[in-house]
Amino acid sequence: MASELRERLEAARAEVARLEHEAATATCAELGHDWHCLGGANCGCFDDACCSVPVHECRRCGACDYGENEWARDQIAKCPLPAEYGEYLATLRALEAQGGAAIRSLKEAKDG
């Protein structure tokens, strides 16, 4: 009985060694990426957004997700800034594009 247990244990150790070697030489397509965080990128939830999303790089192959990942999608979906803020910024840009004349008109109207 003890020798059977020893044999099974040795067979298991040999299988573990074989799998570790296979994993060490596997590609990321076979094993999956080993992501680690490089930092952040602009979230892009609206123009001029100032929040960021995590950017990851694979330790094995060097692939980078450039912030296109599940964490980023979750963060953008939960963005605390209302959509109206993005519309407000777009309106300001349109006014600025008109050479500032529209902004001056608004200011003059406000100052009366």
Foldseek 3Di string as FASTA:
>chain_A
DVVVVVVVVVVVVVVVVVVVVCVVPDDCVVVNFQKDWPAWDALPLAPPGDDTATWIAGPPPGDIPNRPDPRSVVCSVVPPDDPVVRVVVVVVVVCVVVVVPVVVVVVVVVVD
